[in-house]
Amino acid sequence: MEAIEALSVLTTPDPDAALVARAQSGDRGALEAIYRKYIRRVYNLVYRVVGDAQHTEDLAQEVFYQVYRNLDRFQGRSRFYTWLFRVATNVAVAHGRKLASRGRETAFEDRHPSTNVYANPATVAESRDTFQRLDRALKAMPAAHRAMIVLGPIQHHSYEELSQILGISENAVKARMHRARASLSAAMSRMQEVAA
């Protein structure tokens, strides 16, 4: 199975291959193009895992610093995008673990999806309440579980993509996702009990 996956990665051209090759040969313009192309996606991933705008910008810069330092090690066995997201996930999860080891939680900000001014106020209030409960539940989860929920259900990566991003088998992805969903469910249940 892994041989088939590896073959499909090799037979599907990486749209970033030429840009990465130029960057690996020292072309600063190519490095800047990679940065411009992916900074928003990296920022969003880190923000959703860490939940703290104050640290997200620094962590996103750390991701690109790590990419710059290790670009010569990228050998094209996966798409550049998946390698970049692996670096971003590792940086964000490591930050979350560091905060947890200090006894601090990540601070998800009070944010909610934009709403239509003509929407039913009861529906808007219910949507905000659900979003805030989800945010609080994510905040209560370990960083590794939060990353799985962000990469999977929130950012809609498939198990195959998650396997490539995380560098683990699809079966391992499924097992981790199962644990992450159980962690989310438990956090939501605890919040429900507290509210009752």
N, C-alpha and C. Protein backbone atom coordinates (compact mmCIF):
# COMPACT_ATOMS: atom_id res chain seq x y z
N MET A 1 0.82 -1.19 0.00
CA MET A 1 0.00 0.00 0.00
C MET A 1 0.86 1.26 0.00
N GLU A 2 1.90 1.30 0.87
CA GLU A 2 2.76 2.46 0.93
C GLU A 2 3.51 2.66 -0.38
N ALA A 3 3.88 1.57 -1.06
CA ALA A 3 4.58 1.67 -2.33
C ALA A 3 3.68 2.31 -3.39
N ILE A 4 2.39 1.96 -3.35
CA ILE A 4 1.43 2.56 -4.30
C ILE A 4 1.28 4.04 -4.02
N GLU A 5 1.19 4.42 -2.73
CA GLU A 5 1.08 5.84 -2.37
C GLU A 5 2.32 6.60 -2.81
N ALA A 6 3.49 6.01 -2.57
CA ALA A 6 4.74 6.67 -2.96
C ALA A 6 4.80 6.83 -4.47
N LEU A 7 4.35 5.82 -5.21
CA LEU A 7 4.34 5.90 -6.67
C LEU A 7 3.41 7.00 -7.15
N SER A 8 2.23 7.14 -6.52
CA SER A 8 1.28 8.18 -6.94
C SER A 8 1.85 9.56 -6.70
N VAL A 9 2.62 9.73 -5.59
CA VAL A 9 3.25 11.02 -5.33
C VAL A 9 4.28 11.32 -6.39
N LEU A 10 5.04 10.29 -6.79
CA LEU A 10 6.09 10.49 -7.78
C LEU A 10 5.53 10.73 -9.19
N THR A 11 4.37 10.13 -9.51
CA THR A 11 3.82 10.29 -10.85
C THR A 11 2.99 11.56 -11.00
N THR A 12 2.55 12.14 -9.91
CA THR A 12 1.81 13.40 -9.96
C THR A 12 2.82 14.53 -9.74
N PRO A 13 3.02 15.38 -10.74
CA PRO A 13 4.04 16.41 -10.58
C PRO A 13 3.69 17.41 -9.47
N ASP A 14 4.71 17.79 -8.73
CA ASP A 14 4.55 18.78 -7.68
C ASP A 14 4.54 20.16 -8.33
N PRO A 15 3.46 20.92 -8.15
CA PRO A 15 3.40 22.24 -8.80
C PRO A 15 4.48 23.20 -8.29
N ASP A 16 5.08 22.88 -7.15
CA ASP A 16 6.12 23.75 -6.59
C ASP A 16 7.53 23.29 -6.91
N ALA A 17 7.68 22.21 -7.66
CA ALA A 17 9.00 21.60 -7.87
C ALA A 17 10.01 22.59 -8.45
N ALA A 18 9.64 23.31 -9.47
CA ALA A 18 10.59 24.24 -10.10
C ALA A 18 10.94 25.38 -9.15
N LEU A 19 9.95 25.88 -8.45
CA LEU A 19 10.18 26.96 -7.49
C LEU A 19 11.10 26.50 -6.36
N VAL A 20 10.88 25.31 -5.86
CA VAL A 20 11.70 24.76 -4.78
C VAL A 20 13.12 24.52 -5.27
N ALA A 21 13.27 24.00 -6.48
CA ALA A 21 14.60 23.76 -7.04
C ALA A 21 15.38 25.07 -7.15
N ARG A 22 14.69 26.12 -7.59
CA ARG A 22 15.35 27.44 -7.67
C ARG A 22 15.75 27.94 -6.29
N ALA A 23 14.86 27.75 -5.31
CA ALA A 23 15.15 28.18 -3.93
C ALA A 23 16.32 27.38 -3.36
N GLN A 24 16.37 26.09 -3.65
CA GLN A 24 17.46 25.25 -3.16
C GLN A 24 18.80 25.66 -3.76
N SER A 25 18.76 26.24 -4.96
CA SER A 25 20.01 26.67 -5.59
C SER A 25 20.40 28.09 -5.18
N GLY A 26 19.64 28.67 -4.23
CA GLY A 26 20.02 29.98 -3.69
C GLY A 26 19.25 31.16 -4.25
N ASP A 27 18.25 30.95 -5.05
CA ASP A 27 17.45 32.03 -5.63
C ASP A 27 16.55 32.64 -4.56
N ARG A 28 16.91 33.85 -4.08
CA ARG A 28 16.14 34.51 -3.02
C ARG A 28 14.73 34.87 -3.49
N GLY A 29 14.58 35.18 -4.77
CA GLY A 29 13.26 35.48 -5.31
C GLY A 29 12.33 34.28 -5.21
N ALA A 30 12.88 33.08 -5.40
CA ALA A 30 12.08 31.87 -5.28
C ALA A 30 11.66 31.65 -3.83
N LEU A 31 12.57 31.93 -2.90
CA LEU A 31 12.23 31.82 -1.48
C LEU A 31 11.10 32.78 -1.12
N GLU A 32 11.20 34.00 -1.63
CA GLU A 32 10.15 34.99 -1.37
C GLU A 32 8.83 34.56 -1.99
N ALA A 33 8.88 33.96 -3.16
CA ALA A 33 7.66 33.49 -3.82
C ALA A 33 7.00 32.36 -3.01
N ILE A 34 7.81 31.46 -2.47
CA ILE A 34 7.28 30.40 -1.61
C ILE A 34 6.61 31.02 -0.38
N TYR A 35 7.29 31.98 0.21
CA TYR A 35 6.75 32.66 1.39
C TYR A 35 5.40 33.30 1.07
N ARG A 36 5.37 34.08 0.01
CA ARG A 36 4.11 34.77 -0.37
C ARG A 36 3.00 33.78 -0.69
N LYS A 37 3.35 32.68 -1.32
CA LYS A 37 2.35 31.69 -1.72
C LYS A 37 1.73 31.00 -0.51
N TYR A 38 2.54 30.74 0.52
CA TYR A 38 2.06 29.89 1.62
C TYR A 38 1.89 30.58 2.97
N ILE A 39 2.29 31.83 3.11
CA ILE A 39 2.25 32.46 4.43
C ILE A 39 0.83 32.47 5.02
N ARG A 40 -0.16 32.77 4.24
CA ARG A 40 -1.52 32.84 4.77
C ARG A 40 -1.99 31.47 5.25
N ARG A 41 -1.71 30.43 4.49
CA ARG A 41 -2.14 29.08 4.87
C ARG A 41 -1.39 28.60 6.11
N VAL A 42 -0.09 28.89 6.19
CA VAL A 42 0.69 28.52 7.37
C VAL A 42 0.19 29.29 8.58
N TYR A 43 -0.03 30.58 8.42
CA TYR A 43 -0.54 31.40 9.52
C TYR A 43 -1.86 30.84 10.04
N ASN A 44 -2.78 30.51 9.13
CA ASN A 44 -4.08 29.99 9.53
C ASN A 44 -3.94 28.66 10.27
N LEU A 45 -3.09 27.78 9.79
CA LEU A 45 -2.88 26.50 10.47
C LEU A 45 -2.33 26.73 11.88
N VAL A 46 -1.29 27.52 11.98
CA VAL A 46 -0.67 27.77 13.29
C VAL A 46 -1.68 28.44 14.22
N TYR A 47 -2.40 29.40 13.72
CA TYR A 47 -3.38 30.11 14.56
C TYR A 47 -4.44 29.15 15.09
N ARG A 48 -4.92 28.27 14.24
CA ARG A 48 -5.96 27.35 14.68
C ARG A 48 -5.44 26.32 15.66
N VAL A 49 -4.18 25.94 15.54
CA VAL A 49 -3.62 24.98 16.49
C VAL A 49 -3.26 25.68 17.81
N VAL A 50 -2.65 26.85 17.72
CA VAL A 50 -2.19 27.57 18.90
C VAL A 50 -3.31 28.41 19.51
N GLY A 51 -4.11 29.05 18.66
CA GLY A 51 -5.25 29.83 19.13
C GLY A 51 -4.89 31.16 19.76
N ASP A 52 -3.71 31.66 19.50
CA ASP A 52 -3.24 32.88 20.14
C ASP A 52 -2.58 33.77 19.09
N ALA A 53 -3.25 34.84 18.72
CA ALA A 53 -2.73 35.71 17.67
C ALA A 53 -1.40 36.33 18.07
N GLN A 54 -1.19 36.55 19.35
CA GLN A 54 0.05 37.16 19.84
C GLN A 54 1.26 36.31 19.46
N HIS A 55 1.14 34.98 19.54
CA HIS A 55 2.26 34.11 19.22
C HIS A 55 2.25 33.60 17.79
N THR A 56 1.12 33.66 17.13
CA THR A 56 1.00 33.05 15.82
C THR A 56 1.95 33.66 14.80
N GLU A 57 2.07 34.96 14.78
CA GLU A 57 2.94 35.60 13.79
C GLU A 57 4.39 35.15 13.97
N ASP A 58 4.84 35.12 15.22
CA ASP A 58 6.22 34.67 15.50
C ASP A 58 6.39 33.21 15.10
N LEU A 59 5.40 32.38 15.41
CA LEU A 59 5.50 30.96 15.08
C LEU A 59 5.46 30.73 13.56
N ALA A 60 4.66 31.51 12.84
CA ALA A 60 4.63 31.39 11.38
C ALA A 60 6.00 31.76 10.80
N GLN A 61 6.63 32.79 11.37
CA GLN A 61 7.97 33.16 10.93
C GLN A 61 8.97 32.05 11.26
N GLU A 62 8.79 31.41 12.42
CA GLU A 62 9.65 30.28 12.80
C GLU A 62 9.51 29.13 11.81
N VAL A 63 8.29 28.90 11.33
CA VAL A 63 8.06 27.85 10.33
C VAL A 63 8.91 28.13 9.10
N PHE A 64 8.84 29.35 8.59
CA PHE A 64 9.59 29.67 7.37
C PHE A 64 11.10 29.72 7.62
N TYR A 65 11.49 30.05 8.83
CA TYR A 65 12.91 29.97 9.18
C TYR A 65 13.38 28.51 9.13
N GLN A 66 12.56 27.61 9.69
CA GLN A 66 12.89 26.18 9.66
C GLN A 66 12.93 25.67 8.21
N VAL A 67 11.99 26.13 7.40
CA VAL A 67 11.98 25.73 5.98
C VAL A 67 13.25 26.22 5.30
N TYR A 68 13.61 27.46 5.53
CA TYR A 68 14.82 28.03 4.93
C TYR A 68 16.06 27.23 5.36
N ARG A 69 16.16 26.94 6.67
CA ARG A 69 17.32 26.20 7.19
C ARG A 69 17.40 24.78 6.66
N ASN A 70 16.26 24.16 6.40
CA ASN A 70 16.23 22.74 6.05
C ASN A 70 15.82 22.46 4.61
N LEU A 71 15.71 23.49 3.79
CA LEU A 71 15.26 23.31 2.42
C LEU A 71 16.17 22.37 1.63
N ASP A 72 17.45 22.38 1.94
CA ASP A 72 18.37 21.49 1.22
C ASP A 72 18.09 20.01 1.54
N ARG A 73 17.40 19.74 2.65
CA ARG A 73 17.06 18.37 3.02
C ARG A 73 15.79 17.87 2.32
N PHE A 74 15.00 18.78 1.79
CA PHE A 74 13.78 18.38 1.08
C PHE A 74 14.19 17.70 -0.22
N GLN A 75 13.80 16.43 -0.36
CA GLN A 75 14.23 15.64 -1.51
C GLN A 75 13.11 15.37 -2.51
N GLY A 76 11.93 15.90 -2.28
CA GLY A 76 10.84 15.72 -3.22
C GLY A 76 10.13 14.39 -3.14
N ARG A 77 10.30 13.65 -2.04
CA ARG A 77 9.59 12.39 -1.89
C ARG A 77 8.10 12.61 -1.62
N SER A 78 7.77 13.80 -1.19
CA SER A 78 6.37 14.21 -1.03
C SER A 78 6.25 15.57 -1.71
N ARG A 79 5.04 16.04 -1.80
CA ARG A 79 4.86 17.39 -2.34
C ARG A 79 5.45 18.39 -1.36
N PHE A 80 5.92 19.50 -1.86
CA PHE A 80 6.49 20.53 -1.00
C PHE A 80 5.45 21.00 0.02
N TYR A 81 4.22 21.15 -0.43
CA TYR A 81 3.13 21.61 0.43
C TYR A 81 3.00 20.71 1.66
N THR A 82 3.06 19.40 1.48
CA THR A 82 2.89 18.49 2.61
C THR A 82 4.09 18.59 3.55
N TRP A 83 5.28 18.74 3.00
CA TRP A 83 6.47 18.91 3.83
C TRP A 83 6.37 20.20 4.65
N LEU A 84 5.97 21.29 4.00
CA LEU A 84 5.80 22.58 4.67
C LEU A 84 4.78 22.47 5.80
N PHE A 85 3.65 21.81 5.53
CA PHE A 85 2.62 21.67 6.57
C PHE A 85 3.10 20.77 7.70
N ARG A 86 3.97 19.82 7.42
CA ARG A 86 4.54 18.99 8.49
C ARG A 86 5.39 19.88 9.40
N VAL A 87 6.20 20.73 8.80
CA VAL A 87 7.03 21.65 9.59
C VAL A 87 6.13 22.57 10.42
N ALA A 88 5.10 23.13 9.80
CA ALA A 88 4.19 24.05 10.51
C ALA A 88 3.46 23.35 11.65
N THR A 89 3.00 22.13 11.41
CA THR A 89 2.32 21.37 12.45
C THR A 89 3.26 21.09 13.60
N ASN A 90 4.48 20.68 13.30
CA ASN A 90 5.45 20.38 14.35
C ASN A 90 5.77 21.61 15.19
N VAL A 91 5.94 22.76 14.55
CA VAL A 91 6.23 24.00 15.28
C VAL A 91 5.05 24.37 16.18
N ALA A 92 3.83 24.30 15.66
CA ALA A 92 2.65 24.68 16.44
C ALA A 92 2.41 23.72 17.60
N VAL A 93 2.53 22.43 17.35
CA VAL A 93 2.31 21.44 18.41
C VAL A 93 3.39 21.57 19.48
N ALA A 94 4.63 21.79 19.08
CA ALA A 94 5.72 21.96 20.05
C ALA A 94 5.45 23.17 20.94
N HIS A 95 4.95 24.24 20.36
CA HIS A 95 4.62 25.44 21.15
C HIS A 95 3.50 25.13 22.13
N GLY A 96 2.47 24.42 21.67
CA GLY A 96 1.37 24.05 22.55
C GLY A 96 1.84 23.17 23.70
N ARG A 97 2.73 22.24 23.42
CA ARG A 97 3.27 21.37 24.48
C ARG A 97 4.10 22.17 25.48
N LYS A 98 4.86 23.15 24.95
CA LYS A 98 5.68 23.97 25.84
C LYS A 98 4.79 24.76 26.80
N LEU A 99 3.71 25.33 26.28
CA LEU A 99 2.78 26.05 27.15
C LEU A 99 2.14 25.12 28.17
N ALA A 100 1.75 23.92 27.72
CA ALA A 100 1.12 22.96 28.62
C ALA A 100 2.08 22.53 29.72
N SER A 101 3.36 22.38 29.38
CA SER A 101 4.34 21.96 30.39
C SER A 101 4.57 23.05 31.43
N ARG A 102 4.29 24.28 31.05
CA ARG A 102 4.41 25.40 31.99
C ARG A 102 3.12 25.60 32.79
N GLY A 103 2.12 24.77 32.46
CA GLY A 103 0.84 24.89 33.17
C GLY A 103 -0.05 25.96 32.61
N ARG A 104 0.26 26.44 31.41
CA ARG A 104 -0.56 27.47 30.77
C ARG A 104 -1.34 26.85 29.64
N GLU A 105 -2.54 27.32 29.44
CA GLU A 105 -3.34 26.88 28.30
C GLU A 105 -3.13 27.87 27.17
N THR A 106 -3.35 27.42 25.96
CA THR A 106 -3.36 28.36 24.85
C THR A 106 -4.64 29.16 24.96
N ALA A 107 -4.59 30.40 24.59
CA ALA A 107 -5.72 31.31 24.78
C ALA A 107 -6.43 31.55 23.47
N PHE A 108 -7.44 30.77 23.19
CA PHE A 108 -8.23 31.02 21.99
C PHE A 108 -8.97 32.32 22.17
N GLU A 109 -8.92 33.15 21.17
CA GLU A 109 -9.59 34.43 21.25
C GLU A 109 -11.06 34.27 20.97
N ASP A 110 -11.84 35.21 21.47
CA ASP A 110 -13.27 35.18 21.24
C ASP A 110 -13.52 35.69 19.82
N ARG A 111 -13.70 34.76 18.92
CA ARG A 111 -13.95 35.11 17.53
C ARG A 111 -15.12 34.28 17.04
N HIS A 112 -15.77 34.75 16.04
CA HIS A 112 -16.91 34.01 15.51
C HIS A 112 -17.03 34.29 14.03
N PRO A 113 -17.67 33.39 13.30
CA PRO A 113 -17.81 33.61 11.87
C PRO A 113 -18.63 34.85 11.59
N SER A 114 -18.32 35.50 10.49
CA SER A 114 -19.11 36.68 10.14
C SER A 114 -20.55 36.25 9.88
N THR A 115 -21.44 37.13 10.19
CA THR A 115 -22.86 36.79 10.08
C THR A 115 -23.53 37.73 9.11
N ASN A 116 -24.59 37.27 8.52
CA ASN A 116 -25.40 38.04 7.61
C ASN A 116 -26.29 38.95 8.43
N VAL A 117 -26.34 40.24 8.10
CA VAL A 117 -27.15 41.18 8.88
C VAL A 117 -28.64 40.87 8.77
N TYR A 118 -29.05 40.11 7.77
CA TYR A 118 -30.45 39.77 7.61
C TYR A 118 -30.80 38.40 8.21
N ALA A 119 -29.82 37.77 8.85
CA ALA A 119 -30.05 36.44 9.41
C ALA A 119 -30.96 36.54 10.64
N ASN A 120 -31.61 35.45 10.94
CA ASN A 120 -32.47 35.35 12.11
C ASN A 120 -31.59 35.51 13.35
N PRO A 121 -31.89 36.47 14.25
CA PRO A 121 -31.06 36.69 15.44
C PRO A 121 -30.92 35.43 16.31
N ALA A 122 -31.95 34.62 16.41
CA ALA A 122 -31.87 33.39 17.21
C ALA A 122 -30.87 32.42 16.59
N THR A 123 -30.86 32.33 15.26
CA THR A 123 -29.93 31.45 14.57
C THR A 123 -28.50 31.95 14.74
N VAL A 124 -28.32 33.27 14.65
CA VAL A 124 -27.00 33.86 14.82
C VAL A 124 -26.49 33.59 16.24
N ALA A 125 -27.34 33.79 17.24
CA ALA A 125 -26.95 33.56 18.64
C ALA A 125 -26.58 32.09 18.86
N GLU A 126 -27.37 31.19 18.30
CA GLU A 126 -27.10 29.76 18.45
C GLU A 126 -25.77 29.39 17.78
N SER A 127 -25.52 29.96 16.59
CA SER A 127 -24.29 29.69 15.88
C SER A 127 -23.08 30.19 16.68
N ARG A 128 -23.19 31.38 17.23
CA ARG A 128 -22.09 31.93 18.05
C ARG A 128 -21.85 31.08 19.28
N ASP A 129 -22.93 30.64 19.92
CA ASP A 129 -22.81 29.80 21.11
C ASP A 129 -22.10 28.49 20.77
N THR A 130 -22.48 27.87 19.67
CA THR A 130 -21.85 26.62 19.25
C THR A 130 -20.38 26.85 18.94
N PHE A 131 -20.08 27.92 18.23
CA PHE A 131 -18.70 28.23 17.88
C PHE A 131 -17.87 28.47 19.14
N GLN A 132 -18.41 29.19 20.10
CA GLN A 132 -17.67 29.47 21.33
C GLN A 132 -17.45 28.20 22.15
N ARG A 133 -18.45 27.30 22.18
CA ARG A 133 -18.28 26.04 22.89
C ARG A 133 -17.19 25.19 22.22
N LEU A 134 -17.19 25.17 20.89
CA LEU A 134 -16.16 24.44 20.16
C LEU A 134 -14.79 25.03 20.44
N ASP A 135 -14.69 26.34 20.43
CA ASP A 135 -13.41 27.00 20.74
C ASP A 135 -12.92 26.62 22.13
N ARG A 136 -13.81 26.65 23.11
CA ARG A 136 -13.42 26.29 24.48
C ARG A 136 -13.00 24.83 24.56
N ALA A 137 -13.71 23.97 23.86
CA ALA A 137 -13.36 22.54 23.85
C ALA A 137 -12.00 22.33 23.21
N LEU A 138 -11.74 23.00 22.09
CA LEU A 138 -10.42 22.88 21.44
C LEU A 138 -9.32 23.36 22.37
N LYS A 139 -9.60 24.44 23.09
CA LYS A 139 -8.62 24.99 24.03
C LYS A 139 -8.26 23.98 25.12
N ALA A 140 -9.22 23.17 25.51
CA ALA A 140 -9.01 22.21 26.58
C ALA A 140 -8.28 20.94 26.12
N MET A 141 -8.12 20.77 24.83
CA MET A 141 -7.52 19.55 24.29
C MET A 141 -5.99 19.66 24.24
N PRO A 142 -5.29 18.53 24.29
CA PRO A 142 -3.84 18.55 24.06
C PRO A 142 -3.54 19.08 22.65
N ALA A 143 -2.40 19.72 22.50
CA ALA A 143 -2.03 20.34 21.22
C ALA A 143 -2.03 19.35 20.06
N ALA A 144 -1.56 18.13 20.29
CA ALA A 144 -1.51 17.13 19.21
C ALA A 144 -2.92 16.76 18.75
N HIS A 145 -3.86 16.63 19.67
CA HIS A 145 -5.24 16.33 19.29
C HIS A 145 -5.87 17.52 18.57
N ARG A 146 -5.58 18.72 19.06
CA ARG A 146 -6.10 19.93 18.42
C ARG A 146 -5.60 20.01 16.98
N ALA A 147 -4.32 19.69 16.76
CA ALA A 147 -3.76 19.73 15.41
C ALA A 147 -4.49 18.77 14.49
N MET A 148 -4.83 17.58 14.99
CA MET A 148 -5.55 16.61 14.16
C MET A 148 -6.92 17.16 13.76
N ILE A 149 -7.63 17.76 14.69
CA ILE A 149 -8.96 18.32 14.40
C ILE A 149 -8.84 19.49 13.41
N VAL A 150 -7.84 20.33 13.61
CA VAL A 150 -7.66 21.47 12.71
C VAL A 150 -7.31 21.00 11.30
N LEU A 151 -6.34 20.09 11.18
CA LEU A 151 -5.92 19.64 9.86
C LEU A 151 -7.00 18.82 9.16
N GLY A 152 -7.72 18.01 9.92
CA GLY A 152 -8.74 17.14 9.33
C GLY A 152 -10.07 17.83 9.12
N PRO A 153 -10.95 17.76 10.11
CA PRO A 153 -12.30 18.30 9.93
C PRO A 153 -12.37 19.80 9.63
N ILE A 154 -11.48 20.60 10.19
CA ILE A 154 -11.58 22.05 9.98
C ILE A 154 -10.99 22.46 8.64
N GLN A 155 -9.80 21.96 8.31
CA GLN A 155 -9.16 22.34 7.04
C GLN A 155 -9.42 21.34 5.92
N HIS A 156 -10.14 20.29 6.21
CA HIS A 156 -10.62 19.33 5.21
C HIS A 156 -9.52 18.57 4.48
N HIS A 157 -8.41 18.25 5.17
CA HIS A 157 -7.41 17.39 4.56
C HIS A 157 -7.89 15.94 4.65
N SER A 158 -7.66 15.20 3.60
CA SER A 158 -8.02 13.77 3.58
C SER A 158 -7.04 12.99 4.45
N TYR A 159 -7.39 11.72 4.74
CA TYR A 159 -6.47 10.87 5.50
C TYR A 159 -5.16 10.70 4.74
N GLU A 160 -5.24 10.59 3.43
CA GLU A 160 -4.03 10.46 2.62
C GLU A 160 -3.14 11.69 2.77
N GLU A 161 -3.75 12.88 2.68
CA GLU A 161 -2.98 14.12 2.84
C GLU A 161 -2.40 14.22 4.26
N LEU A 162 -3.21 13.85 5.25
CA LEU A 162 -2.72 13.88 6.63
C LEU A 162 -1.55 12.93 6.81
N SER A 163 -1.62 11.79 6.17
CA SER A 163 -0.54 10.81 6.22
C SER A 163 0.75 11.42 5.69
N GLN A 164 0.65 12.14 4.60
CA GLN A 164 1.84 12.78 4.01
C GLN A 164 2.32 13.94 4.87
N ILE A 165 1.39 14.76 5.36
CA ILE A 165 1.77 15.92 6.17
C ILE A 165 2.45 15.48 7.46
N LEU A 166 1.91 14.47 8.11
CA LEU A 166 2.43 14.03 9.40
C LEU A 166 3.53 12.98 9.28
N GLY A 167 3.70 12.41 8.09
CA GLY A 167 4.74 11.41 7.90
C GLY A 167 4.44 10.10 8.59
N ILE A 168 3.17 9.74 8.64
CA ILE A 168 2.75 8.49 9.28
C ILE A 168 1.80 7.77 8.33
N SER A 169 1.51 6.51 8.62
CA SER A 169 0.61 5.73 7.76
C SER A 169 -0.83 6.22 7.90
N GLU A 170 -1.66 5.89 6.92
CA GLU A 170 -3.08 6.25 6.99
C GLU A 170 -3.75 5.59 8.18
N ASN A 171 -3.35 4.36 8.51
CA ASN A 171 -3.92 3.70 9.68
C ASN A 171 -3.57 4.45 10.96
N ALA A 172 -2.35 4.96 11.05
CA ALA A 172 -1.95 5.76 12.21
C ALA A 172 -2.74 7.06 12.25
N VAL A 173 -2.98 7.65 11.08
CA VAL A 173 -3.80 8.87 11.01
C VAL A 173 -5.20 8.58 11.55
N LYS A 174 -5.79 7.47 11.10
CA LYS A 174 -7.13 7.11 11.55
C LYS A 174 -7.17 6.92 13.06
N ALA A 175 -6.15 6.27 13.60
CA ALA A 175 -6.10 6.05 15.05
C ALA A 175 -5.96 7.37 15.80
N ARG A 176 -5.08 8.25 15.31
CA ARG A 176 -4.91 9.55 15.96
C ARG A 176 -6.17 10.40 15.84
N MET A 177 -6.82 10.33 14.68
CA MET A 177 -8.04 11.11 14.50
C MET A 177 -9.13 10.59 15.43
N HIS A 178 -9.19 9.28 15.60
CA HIS A 178 -10.18 8.70 16.52
C HIS A 178 -9.94 9.23 17.94
N ARG A 179 -8.68 9.24 18.37
CA ARG A 179 -8.36 9.75 19.71
C ARG A 179 -8.66 11.24 19.81
N ALA A 180 -8.36 11.99 18.75
CA ALA A 180 -8.62 13.43 18.77
C ALA A 180 -10.11 13.72 18.85
N ARG A 181 -10.91 12.98 18.09
CA ARG A 181 -12.35 13.17 18.14
C ARG A 181 -12.92 12.78 19.50
N ALA A 182 -12.37 11.71 20.09
CA ALA A 182 -12.80 11.31 21.44
C ALA A 182 -12.44 12.38 22.45
N SER A 183 -11.27 12.99 22.29
CA SER A 183 -10.84 14.07 23.17
C SER A 183 -11.76 15.28 23.02
N LEU A 184 -12.12 15.61 21.79
CA LEU A 184 -13.04 16.72 21.55
C LEU A 184 -14.41 16.43 22.15
N SER A 185 -14.89 15.23 21.94
CA SER A 185 -16.18 14.83 22.49
C SER A 185 -16.18 14.91 24.02
N ALA A 186 -15.11 14.43 24.63
CA ALA A 186 -15.00 14.47 26.09
C ALA A 186 -14.97 15.91 26.59
N ALA A 187 -14.24 16.77 25.89
CA ALA A 187 -14.17 18.18 26.28
C ALA A 187 -15.54 18.84 26.15
N MET A 188 -16.24 18.54 25.07
CA MET A 188 -17.59 19.09 24.88
C MET A 188 -18.53 18.58 25.97
N SER A 189 -18.42 17.31 26.34
CA SER A 189 -19.27 16.74 27.40
C SER A 189 -18.99 17.40 28.74
N ARG A 190 -17.71 17.60 29.06
CA ARG A 190 -17.36 18.27 30.32
C ARG A 190 -17.94 19.67 30.38
N MET A 191 -17.89 20.38 29.24
CA MET A 191 -18.45 21.73 29.20
C MET A 191 -19.97 21.69 29.39
N GLN A 192 -20.60 20.69 28.81
CA GLN A 192 -22.05 20.54 28.93
C GLN A 192 -22.43 20.29 30.39
N GLU A 193 -21.64 19.44 31.08
CA GLU A 193 -21.90 19.14 32.48
C GLU A 193 -21.74 20.37 33.35
N VAL A 194 -20.73 21.17 33.07
CA VAL A 194 -20.48 22.39 33.84
C VAL A 194 -21.62 23.39 33.63
N ALA A 195 -22.11 23.45 32.39
CA ALA A 195 -23.19 24.38 32.07
C ALA A 195 -24.51 23.97 32.71
N ALA A 196 -24.69 22.67 32.96
CA ALA A 196 -25.97 22.17 33.48
C ALA A 196 -26.13 22.42 34.95
